[in-house]
Amino acid sequence: MNTAEFFVTPGYGDTQLADMRYSQAVRIGDRVDTSGQGGWDDEFHFPATLEDEIVRAFDNVERTLVTAGATWNDVVSVVSYHIPESEVSIGDEHNRVMVEQFERRMGNRAPIWTQIGVSALGAPMMRVEIAVTAVVGSHPSVHDRG
């Protein structure tokens, strides 16, 4: 039987555990699930630009994965939450930066991705939140559909 092991990202994670009573990741066997990671710094300040916020959210996911013994190479699923740019679309800038970060961090690998537009997130000024599932050592590949 695998035991759940919880992880707190050094820095902002210590604050979240003390103030909000949650951990940033749980590992059960080879599976790692993260809580939603925003584009904050360790003092919960957000960048002025959406692009910088998304990049920092990816950085925070990476910090959290490493804490739990995983990397972006192990990620099999991504769920992202976005404050949309309009009532009908999350927006081109969100999509462009997300895809750029996928390519930068995972190369040709393509995990499953669910993108959700929401009216509010957990912190004021927050525009994006990213949660992932990783299977350590799986290094899945993209299958040729041709």
C-alpha atoms as a PDB file:
ATOM      1  CA  MET A   1       0.000   0.000   0.000  1.00  0.00           C
ATOM      2  CA  ASN A   2       1.302   3.444  -0.922  1.00  0.00           C
ATOM      3  CA  THR A   3       1.230   6.177   1.681  1.00  0.00           C
ATOM      4  CA  ALA A   4       0.371   9.782   0.878  1.00  0.00           C
ATOM      5  CA  GLU A   5       3.319  12.109   1.437  1.00  0.00           C
ATOM      6  CA  PHE A   6       2.586  15.840   1.409  1.00  0.00           C
ATOM      7  CA  PHE A   7       5.046  18.537   0.316  1.00  0.00           C
ATOM      8  CA  VAL A   8       5.291  22.245   0.999  1.00  0.00           C
ATOM      9  CA  THR A   9       7.129  24.416  -1.520  1.00  0.00           C
ATOM     10  CA  PRO A  10       9.873  26.317   0.341  1.00  0.00           C
ATOM     11  CA  GLY A  11       9.038  30.009   0.609  1.00  0.00           C
ATOM     12  CA  TYR A  12       5.401  30.743  -0.202  1.00  0.00           C
ATOM     13  CA  GLY A  13       4.340  27.196   0.671  1.00  0.00           C
ATOM     14  CA  ASP A  14       5.240  27.673   4.326  1.00  0.00           C
ATOM     15  CA  THR A  15       2.923  30.700   4.429  1.00  0.00           C
ATOM     16  CA  GLN A  16       0.094  28.818   2.715  1.00  0.00           C
ATOM     17  CA  LEU A  17       0.400  25.891   5.094  1.00  0.00           C
ATOM     18  CA  ALA A  18       0.320  28.176   8.146  1.00  0.00           C
ATOM     19  CA  ASP A  19      -2.408  30.541   6.918  1.00  0.00           C
ATOM     20  CA  MET A  20      -4.563  28.412   4.598  1.00  0.00           C
ATOM     21  CA  ARG A  21      -3.848  24.873   5.889  1.00  0.00           C
ATOM     22  CA  TYR A  22      -2.886  23.219   2.605  1.00  0.00           C
ATOM     23  CA  SER A  23       0.168  21.656   0.993  1.00  0.00           C
ATOM     24  CA  GLN A  24       1.323  22.279  -2.562  1.00  0.00           C
ATOM     25  CA  ALA A  25       1.807  18.635  -3.568  1.00  0.00           C
ATOM     26  CA  VAL A  26       0.985  15.095  -2.612  1.00  0.00           C
ATOM     27  CA  ARG A  27       2.918  12.041  -3.745  1.00  0.00           C
ATOM     28  CA  ILE A  28       1.461   8.550  -3.633  1.00  0.00           C
ATOM     29  CA  GLY A  29       3.891   6.037  -5.061  1.00  0.00           C
ATOM     30  CA  ASP A  30       5.109   7.453  -8.383  1.00  0.00           C
ATOM     31  CA  ARG A  31       2.160   9.841  -8.812  1.00  0.00           C
ATOM     32  CA  VAL A  32       2.486  13.520  -7.847  1.00  0.00           C
ATOM     33  CA  ASP A  33      -0.463  15.929  -7.842  1.00  0.00           C
ATOM     34  CA  THR A  34       0.006  19.635  -7.231  1.00  0.00           C
ATOM     35  CA  SER A  35      -2.417  22.175  -5.929  1.00  0.00           C
ATOM     36  CA  GLY A  36      -2.992  25.145  -8.185  1.00  0.00           C
ATOM     37  CA  GLN A  37       0.113  27.300  -8.443  1.00  0.00           C
ATOM     38  CA  GLY A  38      -0.183  30.978  -9.234  1.00  0.00           C
ATOM     39  CA  GLY A  39       2.276  33.486 -10.603  1.00  0.00           C
ATOM     40  CA  TRP A  40       3.163  34.944  -7.205  1.00  0.00           C
ATOM     41  CA  ASP A  41       6.545  35.485  -5.629  1.00  0.00           C
ATOM     42  CA  ASP A  42       7.352  34.348  -2.079  1.00  0.00           C
ATOM     43  CA  GLU A  43       5.612  37.464  -0.680  1.00  0.00           C
ATOM     44  CA  PHE A  44       2.509  36.888  -2.860  1.00  0.00           C
ATOM     45  CA  HIS A  45       3.133  39.803  -5.194  1.00  0.00           C
ATOM     46  CA  PHE A  46       2.042  39.373  -8.815  1.00  0.00           C
ATOM     47  CA  PRO A  47       3.830  40.686 -11.913  1.00  0.00           C
ATOM     48  CA  ALA A  48       2.263  43.545 -13.851  1.00  0.00           C
ATOM     49  CA  THR A  49       1.990  41.623 -17.134  1.00  0.00           C
ATOM     50  CA  LEU A  50      -0.067  38.519 -17.817  1.00  0.00           C
ATOM     51  CA  GLU A  51       2.874  36.928 -19.645  1.00  0.00           C
ATOM     52  CA  ASP A  52       5.173  37.328 -16.632  1.00  0.00           C
ATOM     53  CA  GLU A  53       2.463  35.955 -14.341  1.00  0.00           C
ATOM     54  CA  ILE A  54       1.991  32.827 -16.442  1.00  0.00           C
ATOM     55  CA  VAL A  55       5.758  32.255 -16.685  1.00  0.00           C
ATOM     56  CA  ARG A  56       6.088  32.628 -12.921  1.00  0.00           C
ATOM     57  CA  ALA A  57       3.176  30.203 -12.396  1.00  0.00           C
ATOM     58  CA  PHE A  58       5.078  27.653 -14.504  1.00  0.00           C
ATOM     59  CA  ASP A  59       8.194  28.373 -12.414  1.00  0.00           C
ATOM     60  CA  ASN A  60       6.174  27.756  -9.246  1.00  0.00           C
ATOM     61  CA  VAL A  61       4.801  24.482 -10.614  1.00  0.00           C
ATOM     62  CA  GLU A  62       8.395  23.468 -11.325  1.00  0.00           C
ATOM     63  CA  ARG A  63       9.505  24.410  -7.797  1.00  0.00           C
ATOM     64  CA  THR A  64       6.653  22.345  -6.385  1.00  0.00           C
ATOM     65  CA  LEU A  65       7.354  19.337  -8.622  1.00  0.00           C
ATOM     66  CA  VAL A  66      11.031  19.328  -7.624  1.00  0.00           C
ATOM     67  CA  THR A  67      10.044  19.449  -3.952  1.00  0.00           C
ATOM     68  CA  ALA A  68       8.045  16.248  -4.491  1.00  0.00           C
ATOM     69  CA  GLY A  69      10.766  14.542  -6.584  1.00  0.00           C
ATOM     70  CA  ALA A  70       9.297  15.139 -10.055  1.00  0.00           C
ATOM     71  CA  THR A  71       9.999  17.323 -13.105  1.00  0.00           C
ATOM     72  CA  TRP A  72       8.105  18.710 -16.086  1.00  0.00           C
ATOM     73  CA  ASN A  73       9.278  15.575 -17.962  1.00  0.00           C
ATOM     74  CA  ASP A  74       7.013  13.539 -15.682  1.00  0.00           C
ATOM     75  CA  VAL A  75       3.876  15.664 -16.202  1.00  0.00           C
ATOM     76  CA  VAL A  76       0.963  13.801 -17.785  1.00  0.00           C
ATOM     77  CA  SER A  77      -1.893  16.239 -17.116  1.00  0.00           C
ATOM     78  CA  VAL A  78      -2.263  20.015 -16.802  1.00  0.00           C
ATOM     79  CA  VAL A  79      -5.345  21.925 -15.636  1.00  0.00           C
ATOM     80  CA  SER A  80      -5.176  25.713 -15.942  1.00  0.00           C
ATOM     81  CA  TYR A  81      -7.648  28.273 -14.659  1.00  0.00           C
ATOM     82  CA  HIS A  82      -7.802  31.698 -16.293  1.00  0.00           C
ATOM     83  CA  ILE A  83      -9.553  35.011 -15.797  1.00  0.00           C
ATOM     84  CA  PRO A  84     -10.744  35.419 -19.413  1.00  0.00           C
ATOM     85  CA  GLU A  85      -9.887  38.403 -21.576  1.00  0.00           C
ATOM     86  CA  SER A  86     -13.527  38.573 -22.721  1.00  0.00           C
ATOM     87  CA  GLU A  87     -16.894  36.924 -22.118  1.00  0.00           C
ATOM     88  CA  VAL A  88     -16.422  34.620 -25.108  1.00  0.00           C
ATOM     89  CA  SER A  89     -12.764  33.573 -24.885  1.00  0.00           C
ATOM     90  CA  ILE A  90      -9.951  33.006 -22.439  1.00  0.00           C
ATOM     91  CA  GLY A  91      -7.859  34.939 -24.932  1.00  0.00           C
ATOM     92  CA  ASP A  92      -4.995  34.716 -27.369  1.00  0.00           C
ATOM     93  CA  GLU A  93      -2.348  35.982 -24.926  1.00  0.00           C
ATOM     94  CA  HIS A  94      -3.214  33.296 -22.365  1.00  0.00           C
ATOM     95  CA  ASN A  95      -3.012  30.607 -25.035  1.00  0.00           C
ATOM     96  CA  ARG A  96       0.189  31.910 -26.634  1.00  0.00           C
ATOM     97  CA  VAL A  97       2.111  32.064 -23.377  1.00  0.00           C
ATOM     98  CA  MET A  98       0.788  28.727 -22.118  1.00  0.00           C
ATOM     99  CA  VAL A  99       1.834  26.978 -25.349  1.00  0.00           C
ATOM    100  CA  GLU A 100       5.254  28.688 -25.312  1.00  0.00           C
ATOM    101  CA  GLN A 101       5.816  27.448 -21.767  1.00  0.00           C
ATOM    102  CA  PHE A 102       4.702  23.906 -22.659  1.00  0.00           C
ATOM    103  CA  GLU A 103       7.240  23.857 -25.495  1.00  0.00           C
ATOM    104  CA  ARG A 104       9.996  25.401 -23.362  1.00  0.00           C
ATOM    105  CA  ARG A 105       9.514  23.028 -20.444  1.00  0.00           C
ATOM    106  CA  MET A 106       8.395  19.799 -22.143  1.00  0.00           C
ATOM    107  CA  GLY A 107       9.688  20.034 -25.709  1.00  0.00           C
ATOM    108  CA  ASN A 108       7.715  17.801 -28.059  1.00  0.00           C
ATOM    109  CA  ARG A 109       5.869  16.016 -25.256  1.00  0.00           C
ATOM    110  CA  ALA A 110       2.196  16.916 -25.070  1.00  0.00           C
ATOM    111  CA  PRO A 111       0.378  16.061 -21.820  1.00  0.00           C
ATOM    112  CA  ILE A 112      -3.382  16.293 -21.663  1.00  0.00           C
ATOM    113  CA  TRP A 113      -4.563  19.831 -20.888  1.00  0.00           C
ATOM    114  CA  THR A 114      -7.835  21.233 -19.615  1.00  0.00           C
ATOM    115  CA  GLN A 115      -8.173  25.020 -19.731  1.00  0.00           C
ATOM    116  CA  ILE A 116     -10.979  26.628 -17.723  1.00  0.00           C
ATOM    117  CA  GLY A 117     -12.166  30.246 -17.666  1.00  0.00           C
ATOM    118  CA  VAL A 118     -13.291  31.415 -14.221  1.00  0.00           C
ATOM    119  CA  SER A 119     -14.601  34.684 -12.794  1.00  0.00           C
ATOM    120  CA  ALA A 120     -12.221  34.782  -9.802  1.00  0.00           C
ATOM    121  CA  LEU A 121      -9.217  32.960  -8.360  1.00  0.00           C
ATOM    122  CA  GLY A 122      -7.911  32.595  -4.810  1.00  0.00           C
ATOM    123  CA  ALA A 123      -5.980  35.868  -4.523  1.00  0.00           C
ATOM    124  CA  PRO A 124      -6.734  39.435  -5.585  1.00  0.00           C
ATOM    125  CA  MET A 125      -5.005  40.352  -8.863  1.00  0.00           C
ATOM    126  CA  MET A 126      -4.483  36.671  -9.751  1.00  0.00           C
ATOM    127  CA  ARG A 127      -5.187  35.888 -13.429  1.00  0.00           C
ATOM    128  CA  VAL A 128      -3.953  32.302 -13.825  1.00  0.00           C
ATOM    129  CA  GLU A 129      -3.535  29.141 -11.746  1.00  0.00           C
ATOM    130  CA  ILE A 130      -1.964  25.872 -12.898  1.00  0.00           C
ATOM    131  CA  ALA A 131      -2.252  22.383 -11.366  1.00  0.00           C
ATOM    132  CA  VAL A 132      -0.503  19.295 -12.723  1.00  0.00           C
ATOM    133  CA  THR A 133      -0.326  15.539 -12.296  1.00  0.00           C
ATOM    134  CA  ALA A 134       2.997  13.792 -12.837  1.00  0.00           C
ATOM    135  CA  VAL A 135       4.012  10.141 -12.909  1.00  0.00           C
ATOM    136  CA  VAL A 136       7.658   9.998 -11.891  1.00  0.00           C
ATOM    137  CA  GLY A 137       9.838   8.121 -14.351  1.00  0.00           C
ATOM    138  CA  SER A 138       7.102   7.638 -16.928  1.00  0.00           C
ATOM    139  CA  HIS A 139       8.452  10.107 -19.500  1.00  0.00           C
ATOM    140  CA  PRO A 140       5.442   9.512 -21.762  1.00  0.00           C
ATOM    141  CA  SER A 141       5.786  10.050 -25.479  1.00  0.00           C
ATOM    142  CA  VAL A 142       3.447  11.354 -28.125  1.00  0.00           C
ATOM    143  CA  HIS A 143       2.029   8.543 -30.249  1.00  0.00           C
ATOM    144  CA  ASP A 144       2.050   8.904 -34.011  1.00  0.00           C
ATOM    145  CA  ARG A 145      -1.560   9.112 -35.165  1.00  0.00           C
ATOM    146  CA  GLY A 146      -0.684   8.940 -38.866  1.00  0.00           C
END
